[in-house]
All heavy atoms as atom14 arrays in JSON, in Angstrom:
{
  "sequence": "ATRRREGEEIVLSSPSTTIGDEVGLWVSDVPQCAPEVSWHPGRRVRL",
  "atom14_mask": [
    [1, 1, 1, 1, 1, 0, 0, 0, 0, 0, 0, 0, 0, 0],
    [1, 1, 1, 1, 1, 1, 1, 0, 0, 0, 0, 0, 0, 0],
    [1, 1, 1, 1, 1, 1, 1, 1, 1, 1, 1, 0, 0, 0],
    [1, 1, 1, 1, 1, 1, 1, 1, 1, 1, 1, 0, 0, 0],
    [1, 1, 1, 1, 1, 1, 1, 1, 1, 1, 1, 0, 0, 0],
    [1, 1, 1, 1, 1, 1, 1, 1, 1, 0, 0, 0, 0, 0],
    [1, 1, 1, 1, 0, 0, 0, 0, 0, 0, 0, 0, 0, 0],
    [1, 1, 1, 1, 1, 1, 1, 1, 1, 0, 0, 0, 0, 0],
    [1, 1, 1, 1, 1, 1, 1, 1, 1, 0, 0, 0, 0, 0],
    [1, 1, 1, 1, 1, 1, 1, 1, 0, 0, 0, 0, 0, 0],
    [1, 1, 1, 1, 1, 1, 1, 0, 0, 0, 0, 0, 0, 0],
    [1, 1, 1, 1, 1, 1, 1, 1, 0, 0, 0, 0, 0, 0],
    [1, 1, 1, 1, 1, 1, 0, 0, 0, 0, 0, 0, 0, 0],
    [1, 1, 1, 1, 1, 1, 0, 0, 0, 0, 0, 0, 0, 0],
    [1, 1, 1, 1, 1, 1, 1, 0, 0, 0, 0, 0, 0, 0],
    [1, 1, 1, 1, 1, 1, 0, 0, 0, 0, 0, 0, 0, 0],
    [1, 1, 1, 1, 1, 1, 1, 0, 0, 0, 0, 0, 0, 0],
    [1, 1, 1, 1, 1, 1, 1, 0, 0, 0, 0, 0, 0, 0],
    [1, 1, 1, 1, 1, 1, 1, 1, 0, 0, 0, 0, 0, 0],
    [1, 1, 1, 1, 0, 0, 0, 0, 0, 0, 0, 0, 0, 0],
    [1, 1, 1, 1, 1, 1, 1, 1, 0, 0, 0, 0, 0, 0],
    [1, 1, 1, 1, 1, 1, 1, 1, 1, 0, 0, 0, 0, 0],
    [1, 1, 1, 1, 1, 1, 1, 0, 0, 0, 0, 0, 0, 0],
    [1, 1, 1, 1, 0, 0, 0, 0, 0, 0, 0, 0, 0, 0],
    [1, 1, 1, 1, 1, 1, 1, 1, 0, 0, 0, 0, 0, 0],
    [1, 1, 1, 1, 1, 1, 1, 1, 1, 1, 1, 1, 1, 1],
    [1, 1, 1, 1, 1, 1, 1, 0, 0, 0, 0, 0, 0, 0],
    [1, 1, 1, 1, 1, 1, 0, 0, 0, 0, 0, 0, 0, 0],
    [1, 1, 1, 1, 1, 1, 1, 1, 0, 0, 0, 0, 0, 0],
    [1, 1, 1, 1, 1, 1, 1, 0, 0, 0, 0, 0, 0, 0],
    [1, 1, 1, 1, 1, 1, 1, 0, 0, 0, 0, 0, 0, 0],
    [1, 1, 1, 1, 1, 1, 1, 1, 1, 0, 0, 0, 0, 0],
    [1, 1, 1, 1, 1, 1, 0, 0, 0, 0, 0, 0, 0, 0],
    [1, 1, 1, 1, 1, 0, 0, 0, 0, 0, 0, 0, 0, 0],
    [1, 1, 1, 1, 1, 1, 1, 0, 0, 0, 0, 0, 0, 0],
    [1, 1, 1, 1, 1, 1, 1, 1, 1, 0, 0, 0, 0, 0],
    [1, 1, 1, 1, 1, 1, 1, 0, 0, 0, 0, 0, 0, 0],
    [1, 1, 1, 1, 1, 1, 0, 0, 0, 0, 0, 0, 0, 0],
    [1, 1, 1, 1, 1, 1, 1, 1, 1, 1, 1, 1, 1, 1],
    [1, 1, 1, 1, 1, 1, 1, 1, 1, 1, 0, 0, 0, 0],
    [1, 1, 1, 1, 1, 1, 1, 0, 0, 0, 0, 0, 0, 0],
    [1, 1, 1, 1, 0, 0, 0, 0, 0, 0, 0, 0, 0, 0],
    [1, 1, 1, 1, 1, 1, 1, 1, 1, 1, 1, 0, 0, 0],
    [1, 1, 1, 1, 1, 1, 1, 1, 1, 1, 1, 0, 0, 0],
    [1, 1, 1, 1, 1, 1, 1, 0, 0, 0, 0, 0, 0, 0],
    [1, 1, 1, 1, 1, 1, 1, 1, 1, 1, 1, 0, 0, 0],
    [1, 1, 1, 1, 1, 1, 1, 1, 0, 0, 0, 0, 0, 0]
  ],
  "atom14_positions": [
    [[5.27, -4.74, -9.27], [5.66, -5.38, -10.4], [6.81, -4.73, -11.03], [7.04, -3.46, -10.93], [4.42, -5.29, -11.36], [0.0, 0.0, 0.0], [0.0, 0.0, 0.0], [0.0, 0.0, 0.0], [0.0, 0.0, 0.0], [0.0, 0.0, 0.0], [0.0, 0.0, 0.0], [0.0, 0.0, 0.0], [0.0, 0.0, 0.0], [0.0, 0.0, 0.0]],
    [[7.68, -5.51, -11.69], [8.72, -4.89, -12.57], [8.02, -4.37, -13.86], [7.02, -4.85, -14.28], [9.78, -6.04, -12.93], [9.06, -7.09, -13.56], [10.46, -6.54, -11.66], [0.0, 0.0, 0.0], [0.0, 0.0, 0.0], [0.0, 0.0, 0.0], [0.0, 0.0, 0.0], [0.0, 0.0, 0.0], [0.0, 0.0, 0.0], [0.0, 0.0, 0.0]],
    [[8.68, -3.44, -14.48], [8.14, -2.76, -15.63], [9.09, -2.62, -16.74], [10.26, -2.54, -16.6], [7.75, -1.28, -15.16], [6.78, -1.29, -14.08], [6.32, 0.15, -13.76], [5.38, 0.3, -12.7], [4.58, 1.34, -12.44], [4.68, 2.41, -13.23], [3.79, 1.38, -11.4], [0.0, 0.0, 0.0], [0.0, 0.0, 0.0], [0.0, 0.0, 0.0]],
    [[8.62, -2.63, -17.96], [9.33, -2.19, -19.07], [8.5, -1.54, -20.07], [7.28, -1.75, -20.07], [10.11, -3.41, -19.78], [9.17, -4.41, -20.41], [9.93, -5.51, -21.09], [9.13, -6.36, -21.93], [8.52, -7.33, -21.46], [8.53, -7.61, -20.15], [7.64, -8.13, -22.15], [0.0, 0.0, 0.0], [0.0, 0.0, 0.0], [0.0, 0.0, 0.0]],
    [[9.04, -0.65, -20.92], [8.24, 0.24, -21.76], [8.18, -0.51, -23.15], [9.28, -0.96, -23.63], [8.69, 1.5, -21.95], [7.91, 2.38, -22.9], [8.68, 3.8, -23.01], [8.65, 4.51, -21.88], [7.52, 5.3, -21.45], [6.45, 5.25, -22.28], [7.54, 5.99, -20.41], [0.0, 0.0, 0.0], [0.0, 0.0, 0.0], [0.0, 0.0, 0.0]],
    [[7.12, -0.65, -23.81], [6.98, -1.11, -25.17], [6.05, -0.12, -25.86], [4.72, -0.08, -25.68], [6.44, -2.42, -25.2], [7.37, -3.53, -24.74], [6.82, -5.04, -25.21], [5.77, -4.97, -25.91], [7.54, -5.99, -24.91], [0.0, 0.0, 0.0], [0.0, 0.0, 0.0], [0.0, 0.0, 0.0], [0.0, 0.0, 0.0], [0.0, 0.0, 0.0]],
    [[6.61, 0.83, -26.62], [5.95, 1.81, -27.21], [5.42, 2.82, -26.23], [6.08, 3.32, -25.33], [0.0, 0.0, 0.0], [0.0, 0.0, 0.0], [0.0, 0.0, 0.0], [0.0, 0.0, 0.0], [0.0, 0.0, 0.0], [0.0, 0.0, 0.0], [0.0, 0.0, 0.0], [0.0, 0.0, 0.0], [0.0, 0.0, 0.0], [0.0, 0.0, 0.0]],
    [[4.0, 2.98, -26.33], [3.34, 3.86, -25.3], [2.86, 3.16, -24.1], [2.22, 3.77, -23.28], [2.15, 4.55, -26.13], [2.64, 5.46, -27.25], [3.56, 6.64, -26.71], [3.16, 7.18, -25.76], [4.46, 6.92, -27.44], [0.0, 0.0, 0.0], [0.0, 0.0, 0.0], [0.0, 0.0, 0.0], [0.0, 0.0, 0.0], [0.0, 0.0, 0.0]],
    [[3.06, 1.93, -24.12], [2.51, 0.99, -22.99], [3.66, 0.61, -22.08], [4.82, 0.42, -22.42], [1.91, -0.19, -23.59], [0.6, 0.07, -24.5], [0.1, -1.01, -25.27], [0.76, -2.1, -25.18], [-1.01, -0.92, -25.78], [0.0, 0.0, 0.0], [0.0, 0.0, 0.0], [0.0, 0.0, 0.0], [0.0, 0.0, 0.0], [0.0, 0.0, 0.0]],
    [[3.21, 0.35, -20.79], [4.08, -0.07, -19.75], [3.68, -1.53, -19.44], [2.56, -1.85, -18.94], [3.99, 0.77, -18.45], [4.24, 2.18, -18.71], [4.99, 0.19, -17.33], [5.59, 2.44, -19.39], [0.0, 0.0, 0.0], [0.0, 0.0, 0.0], [0.0, 0.0, 0.0], [0.0, 0.0, 0.0], [0.0, 0.0, 0.0], [0.0, 0.0, 0.0]],
    [[4.68, -2.43, -19.7], [4.37, -3.89, -19.46], [4.74, -4.2, -18.01], [5.9, -4.05, -17.62], [5.1, -4.84, -20.47], [4.82, -6.23, -20.21], [4.68, -4.36, -21.89], [0.0, 0.0, 0.0], [0.0, 0.0, 0.0], [0.0, 0.0, 0.0], [0.0, 0.0, 0.0], [0.0, 0.0, 0.0], [0.0, 0.0, 0.0], [0.0, 0.0, 0.0]],
    [[3.76, -4.83, -17.32], [3.98, -5.26, -15.89], [4.41, -6.8, -15.95], [4.08, -7.48, -16.87], [2.76, -5.09, -15.08], [2.15, -3.7, -15.09], [0.89, -3.6, -14.18], [3.23, -2.58, -14.58], [0.0, 0.0, 0.0], [0.0, 0.0, 0.0], [0.0, 0.0, 0.0], [0.0, 0.0, 0.0], [0.0, 0.0, 0.0], [0.0, 0.0, 0.0]],
    [[5.06, -7.19, -14.91], [5.54, -8.5, -14.69], [4.45, -9.49, -14.92], [3.36, -9.19, -14.55], [6.17, -8.7, -13.44], [5.4, -8.39, -12.28], [0.0, 0.0, 0.0], [0.0, 0.0, 0.0], [0.0, 0.0, 0.0], [0.0, 0.0, 0.0], [0.0, 0.0, 0.0], [0.0, 0.0, 0.0], [0.0, 0.0, 0.0], [0.0, 0.0, 0.0]],
    [[4.74, -10.67, -15.45], [3.55, -11.68, -15.85], [2.95, -12.16, -14.53], [3.47, -12.15, -13.38], [4.27, -12.87, -16.6], [5.02, -13.56, -15.75], [0.0, 0.0, 0.0], [0.0, 0.0, 0.0], [0.0, 0.0, 0.0], [0.0, 0.0, 0.0], [0.0, 0.0, 0.0], [0.0, 0.0, 0.0], [0.0, 0.0, 0.0], [0.0, 0.0, 0.0]],
    [[1.67, -12.72, -14.77], [0.89, -13.29, -13.64], [1.68, -14.37, -12.87], [1.45, -14.6, -11.68], [-0.26, -13.86, -14.3], [-0.39, -13.12, -15.61], [0.93, -12.77, -16.02], [0.0, 0.0, 0.0], [0.0, 0.0, 0.0], [0.0, 0.0, 0.0], [0.0, 0.0, 0.0], [0.0, 0.0, 0.0], [0.0, 0.0, 0.0], [0.0, 0.0, 0.0]],
    [[2.67, -15.04, -13.52], [3.45, -16.19, -12.86], [4.47, -15.55, -11.91], [5.09, -16.34, -11.12], [4.03, -17.04, -13.85], [4.93, -16.39, -14.61], [0.0, 0.0, 0.0], [0.0, 0.0, 0.0], [0.0, 0.0, 0.0], [0.0, 0.0, 0.0], [0.0, 0.0, 0.0], [0.0, 0.0, 0.0], [0.0, 0.0, 0.0], [0.0, 0.0, 0.0]],
    [[4.81, -14.25, -12.06], [5.95, -13.73, -11.2], [5.37, -13.49, -9.77], [4.41, -12.74, -9.66], [6.4, -12.48, -11.76], [6.95, -12.81, -13.17], [7.53, -11.85, -11.05], [0.0, 0.0, 0.0], [0.0, 0.0, 0.0], [0.0, 0.0, 0.0], [0.0, 0.0, 0.0], [0.0, 0.0, 0.0], [0.0, 0.0, 0.0], [0.0, 0.0, 0.0]],
    [[6.13, -13.97, -8.74], [5.77, -13.59, -7.45], [6.87, -12.56, -6.87], [7.93, -12.8, -6.84], [5.9, -14.83, -6.55], [4.88, -15.76, -7.07], [5.48, -14.51, -5.1], [0.0, 0.0, 0.0], [0.0, 0.0, 0.0], [0.0, 0.0, 0.0], [0.0, 0.0, 0.0], [0.0, 0.0, 0.0], [0.0, 0.0, 0.0], [0.0, 0.0, 0.0]],
    [[6.27, -11.46, -6.37], [7.14, -10.37, -5.81], [6.76, -10.19, -4.42], [5.67, -9.73, -4.03], [6.99, -9.04, -6.64], [7.29, -9.38, -8.07], [7.87, -7.98, -6.03], [7.01, -8.15, -8.99], [0.0, 0.0, 0.0], [0.0, 0.0, 0.0], [0.0, 0.0, 0.0], [0.0, 0.0, 0.0], [0.0, 0.0, 0.0], [0.0, 0.0, 0.0]],
    [[7.59, -10.64, -3.57], [7.42, -10.47, -2.07], [7.62, -9.2, -1.5], [8.6, -8.46, -1.83], [0.0, 0.0, 0.0], [0.0, 0.0, 0.0], [0.0, 0.0, 0.0], [0.0, 0.0, 0.0], [0.0, 0.0, 0.0], [0.0, 0.0, 0.0], [0.0, 0.0, 0.0], [0.0, 0.0, 0.0], [0.0, 0.0, 0.0], [0.0, 0.0, 0.0]],
    [[6.72, -8.67, -0.57], [7.06, -7.35, 0.18], [7.96, -7.62, 1.16], [8.1, -8.78, 1.65], [5.81, -6.88, 0.73], [4.8, -6.33, -0.22], [5.15, -6.08, -1.36], [3.58, -6.14, 0.08], [0.0, 0.0, 0.0], [0.0, 0.0, 0.0], [0.0, 0.0, 0.0], [0.0, 0.0, 0.0], [0.0, 0.0, 0.0], [0.0, 0.0, 0.0]],
    [[8.81, -6.61, 1.53], [9.61, -6.65, 2.72], [8.74, -6.59, 3.99], [7.81, -5.82, 3.92], [10.61, -5.48, 2.72], [11.64, -5.52, 1.56], [12.53, -4.28, 1.61], [12.99, -4.04, 2.76], [12.93, -3.78, 0.58], [0.0, 0.0, 0.0], [0.0, 0.0, 0.0], [0.0, 0.0, 0.0], [0.0, 0.0, 0.0], [0.0, 0.0, 0.0]],
    [[9.03, -7.38, 4.86], [8.22, -7.47, 6.12], [8.58, -6.39, 7.0], [9.7, -5.93, 7.07], [8.34, -8.79, 6.74], [7.86, -9.93, 5.86], [9.74, -9.19, 7.23], [0.0, 0.0, 0.0], [0.0, 0.0, 0.0], [0.0, 0.0, 0.0], [0.0, 0.0, 0.0], [0.0, 0.0, 0.0], [0.0, 0.0, 0.0], [0.0, 0.0, 0.0]],
    [[7.7, -6.03, 7.95], [7.99, -5.18, 9.08], [7.65, -3.73, 8.89], [7.53, -2.95, 9.8], [0.0, 0.0, 0.0], [0.0, 0.0, 0.0], [0.0, 0.0, 0.0], [0.0, 0.0, 0.0], [0.0, 0.0, 0.0], [0.0, 0.0, 0.0], [0.0, 0.0, 0.0], [0.0, 0.0, 0.0], [0.0, 0.0, 0.0], [0.0, 0.0, 0.0]],
    [[7.36, -3.3, 7.59], [7.1, -1.85, 7.35], [5.94, -1.81, 6.34], [5.88, -2.7, 5.49], [8.39, -1.21, 6.71], [9.53, -0.88, 7.66], [10.67, -0.34, 6.77], [9.2, -0.04, 8.77], [0.0, 0.0, 0.0], [0.0, 0.0, 0.0], [0.0, 0.0, 0.0], [0.0, 0.0, 0.0], [0.0, 0.0, 0.0], [0.0, 0.0, 0.0]],
    [[5.05, -0.84, 6.55], [4.09, -0.58, 5.51], [3.81, 0.89, 5.53], [3.86, 1.57, 6.5], [2.81, -1.43, 5.76], [2.34, -1.57, 7.06], [2.65, -2.26, 8.1], [1.16, -0.75, 7.52], [1.79, -2.15, 9.27], [1.01, -1.06, 8.9], [0.36, 0.24, 6.97], [-0.13, -0.53, 9.71], [-0.67, 0.83, 7.74], [-0.81, 0.4, 9.09]],
    [[3.2, 1.38, 4.37], [2.96, 2.7, 4.21], [1.48, 2.94, 4.05], [0.76, 2.16, 3.37], [3.69, 3.27, 2.96], [3.39, 4.86, 2.66], [5.17, 3.1, 3.05], [0.0, 0.0, 0.0], [0.0, 0.0, 0.0], [0.0, 0.0, 0.0], [0.0, 0.0, 0.0], [0.0, 0.0, 0.0], [0.0, 0.0, 0.0], [0.0, 0.0, 0.0]],
    [[1.01, 4.07, 4.67], [-0.52, 4.32, 4.51], [-0.68, 5.83, 4.33], [0.28, 6.56, 4.76], [-1.33, 3.77, 5.57], [-1.07, 4.46, 6.78], [0.0, 0.0, 0.0], [0.0, 0.0, 0.0], [0.0, 0.0, 0.0], [0.0, 0.0, 0.0], [0.0, 0.0, 0.0], [0.0, 0.0, 0.0], [0.0, 0.0, 0.0], [0.0, 0.0, 0.0]],
    [[-1.81, 6.22, 4.0], [-2.1, 7.63, 4.1], [-2.29, 8.16, 5.43], [-2.79, 7.32, 6.34], [-3.55, 7.94, 3.33], [-3.44, 7.59, 1.83], [-2.47, 8.07, 1.26], [-4.27, 7.01, 1.28], [0.0, 0.0, 0.0], [0.0, 0.0, 0.0], [0.0, 0.0, 0.0], [0.0, 0.0, 0.0], [0.0, 0.0, 0.0], [0.0, 0.0, 0.0]],
    [[-1.91, 9.35, 5.74], [-2.18, 9.95, 7.04], [-3.6, 10.42, 6.98], [-4.04, 11.17, 6.08], [-1.32, 11.21, 7.29], [-1.73, 11.88, 8.57], [0.14, 10.75, 7.45], [0.0, 0.0, 0.0], [0.0, 0.0, 0.0], [0.0, 0.0, 0.0], [0.0, 0.0, 0.0], [0.0, 0.0, 0.0], [0.0, 0.0, 0.0], [0.0, 0.0, 0.0]],
    [[-4.55, 9.98, 7.85], [-6.0, 10.36, 7.8], [-6.09, 11.8, 7.98], [-5.46, 12.43, 8.99], [-6.57, 9.56, 9.03], [-5.65, 8.36, 9.22], [-4.22, 8.9, 8.9], [0.0, 0.0, 0.0], [0.0, 0.0, 0.0], [0.0, 0.0, 0.0], [0.0, 0.0, 0.0], [0.0, 0.0, 0.0], [0.0, 0.0, 0.0], [0.0, 0.0, 0.0]],
    [[-6.8, 12.51, 7.21], [-6.9, 13.9, 7.09], [-8.31, 14.4, 7.37], [-9.26, 13.73, 6.92], [-6.37, 14.65, 5.95], [-4.97, 14.29, 5.55], [-4.48, 14.86, 4.26], [-4.74, 16.15, 4.04], [-3.98, 14.18, 3.35], [0.0, 0.0, 0.0], [0.0, 0.0, 0.0], [0.0, 0.0, 0.0], [0.0, 0.0, 0.0], [0.0, 0.0, 0.0]],
    [[-8.43, 15.39, 8.3], [-9.8, 15.9, 8.69], [-10.57, 14.7, 9.28], [-11.72, 14.58, 9.1], [-10.46, 16.65, 7.53], [-9.69, 18.11, 7.01], [0.0, 0.0, 0.0], [0.0, 0.0, 0.0], [0.0, 0.0, 0.0], [0.0, 0.0, 0.0], [0.0, 0.0, 0.0], [0.0, 0.0, 0.0], [0.0, 0.0, 0.0], [0.0, 0.0, 0.0]],
    [[-9.86, 13.83, 9.96], [-10.42, 12.6, 10.58], [-11.42, 12.94, 11.71], [-11.17, 14.03, 12.26], [-9.32, 11.59, 10.99], [0.0, 0.0, 0.0], [0.0, 0.0, 0.0], [0.0, 0.0, 0.0], [0.0, 0.0, 0.0], [0.0, 0.0, 0.0], [0.0, 0.0, 0.0], [0.0, 0.0, 0.0], [0.0, 0.0, 0.0], [0.0, 0.0, 0.0]],
    [[-12.38, 12.05, 12.03], [-13.2, 12.4, 12.99], [-12.36, 12.64, 14.4], [-11.21, 11.98, 14.62], [-14.01, 11.09, 13.24], [-14.04, 10.59, 11.77], [-12.69, 10.88, 11.13], [0.0, 0.0, 0.0], [0.0, 0.0, 0.0], [0.0, 0.0, 0.0], [0.0, 0.0, 0.0], [0.0, 0.0, 0.0], [0.0, 0.0, 0.0], [0.0, 0.0, 0.0]],
    [[-12.83, 13.55, 15.19], [-12.0, 13.75, 16.42], [-12.19, 12.68, 17.52], [-13.12, 12.72, 18.33], [-12.52, 15.13, 17.03], [-12.41, 16.28, 16.04], [-10.81, 16.52, 15.84], [-10.0, 16.1, 16.69], [-10.45, 17.12, 14.81], [0.0, 0.0, 0.0], [0.0, 0.0, 0.0], [0.0, 0.0, 0.0], [0.0, 0.0, 0.0], [0.0, 0.0, 0.0]],
    [[-11.39, 11.8, 17.48], [-11.28, 10.64, 18.5], [-9.79, 10.6, 19.2], [-9.03, 11.14, 18.65], [-11.57, 9.26, 17.89], [-13.03, 9.29, 17.23], [-10.54, 8.97, 16.93], [0.0, 0.0, 0.0], [0.0, 0.0, 0.0], [0.0, 0.0, 0.0], [0.0, 0.0, 0.0], [0.0, 0.0, 0.0], [0.0, 0.0, 0.0], [0.0, 0.0, 0.0]],
    [[-9.93, 10.18, 20.33], [-8.55, 10.08, 21.01], [-7.78, 9.0, 20.58], [-8.17, 7.83, 20.62], [-8.89, 9.91, 22.45], [-7.61, 9.76, 23.15], [0.0, 0.0, 0.0], [0.0, 0.0, 0.0], [0.0, 0.0, 0.0], [0.0, 0.0, 0.0], [0.0, 0.0, 0.0], [0.0, 0.0, 0.0], [0.0, 0.0, 0.0], [0.0, 0.0, 0.0]],
    [[-6.8, 9.21, 19.72], [-5.96, 8.16, 19.16], [-4.66, 7.87, 19.93], [-4.05, 8.75, 20.4], [-5.45, 8.67, 17.73], [-4.83, 7.6, 16.84], [-5.49, 6.9, 15.94], [-3.57, 7.14, 16.85], [-4.59, 6.0, 15.38], [-3.43, 6.05, 15.89], [-2.45, 7.45, 17.63], [-2.25, 5.48, 15.75], [-1.15, 6.81, 17.43], [-1.12, 5.82, 16.4]],
    [[-4.43, 6.54, 20.06], [-3.06, 6.1, 20.59], [-2.85, 4.77, 20.06], [-3.78, 4.1, 19.76], [-3.06, 6.19, 22.23], [-4.18, 5.38, 22.82], [-3.95, 4.09, 23.05], [-5.37, 5.72, 23.33], [-4.98, 3.41, 23.62], [-5.83, 4.41, 23.75], [0.0, 0.0, 0.0], [0.0, 0.0, 0.0], [0.0, 0.0, 0.0], [0.0, 0.0, 0.0]],
    [[-1.57, 4.38, 20.09], [-1.28, 3.06, 19.47], [-1.98, 2.01, 20.23], [-2.04, 1.9, 21.56], [0.29, 2.99, 19.63], [0.7, 4.38, 19.56], [-0.38, 5.19, 20.29], [0.0, 0.0, 0.0], [0.0, 0.0, 0.0], [0.0, 0.0, 0.0], [0.0, 0.0, 0.0], [0.0, 0.0, 0.0], [0.0, 0.0, 0.0], [0.0, 0.0, 0.0]],
    [[-2.62, 1.03, 19.48], [-3.35, 0.04, 20.06], [-4.86, 0.24, 20.32], [-5.55, -0.69, 20.66], [0.0, 0.0, 0.0], [0.0, 0.0, 0.0], [0.0, 0.0, 0.0], [0.0, 0.0, 0.0], [0.0, 0.0, 0.0], [0.0, 0.0, 0.0], [0.0, 0.0, 0.0], [0.0, 0.0, 0.0], [0.0, 0.0, 0.0], [0.0, 0.0, 0.0]],
    [[-5.23, 1.49, 20.14], [-6.66, 1.72, 20.28], [-7.51, 1.15, 19.22], [-7.15, 1.09, 18.04], [-6.85, 3.3, 20.38], [-8.38, 3.68, 20.45], [-8.49, 5.11, 20.52], [-9.97, 5.44, 20.44], [-10.81, 5.64, 21.47], [-10.37, 5.27, 22.71], [-12.1, 5.95, 21.34], [0.0, 0.0, 0.0], [0.0, 0.0, 0.0], [0.0, 0.0, 0.0]],
    [[-8.61, 0.62, 19.58], [-9.61, 0.03, 18.65], [-10.92, 0.56, 18.84], [-11.33, 0.59, 20.07], [-9.6, -1.44, 18.66], [-8.24, -2.12, 18.23], [-8.04, -1.86, 16.77], [-6.82, -2.55, 16.36], [-5.65, -1.96, 16.32], [-5.5, -0.62, 16.73], [-4.55, -2.49, 15.95], [0.0, 0.0, 0.0], [0.0, 0.0, 0.0], [0.0, 0.0, 0.0]],
    [[-11.67, 1.08, 17.82], [-13.03, 1.54, 17.99], [-13.84, 0.78, 16.95], [-13.33, 0.33, 15.91], [-13.15, 3.07, 17.78], [-12.55, 3.77, 19.05], [-12.41, 3.52, 16.52], [0.0, 0.0, 0.0], [0.0, 0.0, 0.0], [0.0, 0.0, 0.0], [0.0, 0.0, 0.0], [0.0, 0.0, 0.0], [0.0, 0.0, 0.0], [0.0, 0.0, 0.0]],
    [[-15.12, 0.76, 17.1], [-15.97, 0.0, 16.17], [-16.28, 0.81, 14.89], [-16.53, 1.93, 14.91], [-17.39, -0.21, 16.91], [-18.27, -1.1, 16.02], [-19.46, -1.58, 16.87], [-20.37, -2.42, 16.01], [-20.24, -3.59, 15.75], [-19.05, -4.24, 16.3], [-21.05, -4.29, 15.1], [0.0, 0.0, 0.0], [0.0, 0.0, 0.0], [0.0, 0.0, 0.0]],
    [[-16.01, 0.04, 13.83], [-16.19, 0.69, 12.52], [-17.51, 0.17, 11.95], [-18.09, -0.86, 12.26], [-15.12, 0.22, 11.57], [-13.67, 0.68, 11.88], [-12.7, -0.09, 11.11], [-13.46, 2.12, 11.85], [0.0, 0.0, 0.0], [0.0, 0.0, 0.0], [0.0, 0.0, 0.0], [0.0, 0.0, 0.0], [0.0, 0.0, 0.0], [0.0, 0.0, 0.0]]
  ]
}
């Protein structure tokens, strides 16, 4: 959302505003102290 300050509050863009993400990239947390499984791109295990 776009933001602007009004006093002590941060006003976010209105519900009618559509803000599209750039395609092709996304950010996630690096799993920490994750279960010891053999990870490689494309691997899928049952959750």
